[in-house]
Amino acid sequence: MNRINKKVVIALGGNAILQKDQIGTHEEQQENIKKT
């Protein structure tokens, strides 16, 4: 039986990790990622 290796890549950025009172800096997004 042949095995097929599959990969799933999930990319989060921008609005997905931005809070309503933030401007979207790299530091803000990194902090939001740590909280999730």
Protein backbone atom coordinates (compact mmCIF):
# COMPACT_ATOMS: atom_id res chain seq x y z
CA MET A 1 0.00 0.00 0.00
CA ASN A 2 1.38 3.42 -0.94
CA ARG A 3 1.50 6.00 1.80
CA ILE A 4 0.96 9.63 0.97
CA ASN A 5 2.47 12.15 3.36
CA LYS A 6 0.32 15.23 3.71
CA LYS A 7 1.16 18.53 5.33
CA VAL A 8 -1.13 21.26 6.53
CA VAL A 9 0.18 24.81 6.82
CA ILE A 10 -1.75 27.42 8.75
CA ALA A 11 -0.64 31.03 8.43
CA LEU A 12 -1.99 33.69 10.76
CA GLY A 13 -1.35 37.35 10.29
CA GLY A 14 -2.90 40.73 9.90
CA ASN A 15 -6.50 40.94 11.05
CA ALA A 16 -6.53 37.36 12.34
CA ILE A 17 -4.30 38.33 15.27
CA LEU A 18 -5.07 42.04 15.56
CA GLN A 19 -7.08 43.49 18.44
CA LYS A 20 -9.48 46.36 17.78
CA ASP A 21 -7.35 48.96 19.61
CA GLN A 22 -4.06 48.02 17.94
CA ILE A 23 -2.36 49.33 14.82
CA GLY A 24 -0.81 46.00 13.84
CA THR A 25 2.86 46.27 14.66
CA HIS A 26 5.01 43.17 14.66
CA GLU A 27 5.35 43.38 18.45
CA GLU A 28 1.58 43.59 18.96
CA GLN A 29 0.98 40.60 16.74
CA GLN A 30 3.69 38.54 18.48
CA GLU A 31 2.15 39.33 21.87
CA ASN A 32 -1.31 38.32 20.60
CA ILE A 33 0.09 35.02 19.34
CA LYS A 34 1.63 34.30 22.76
CA LYS A 35 -1.77 34.88 24.40
CA THR A 36 -3.57 32.35 22.19
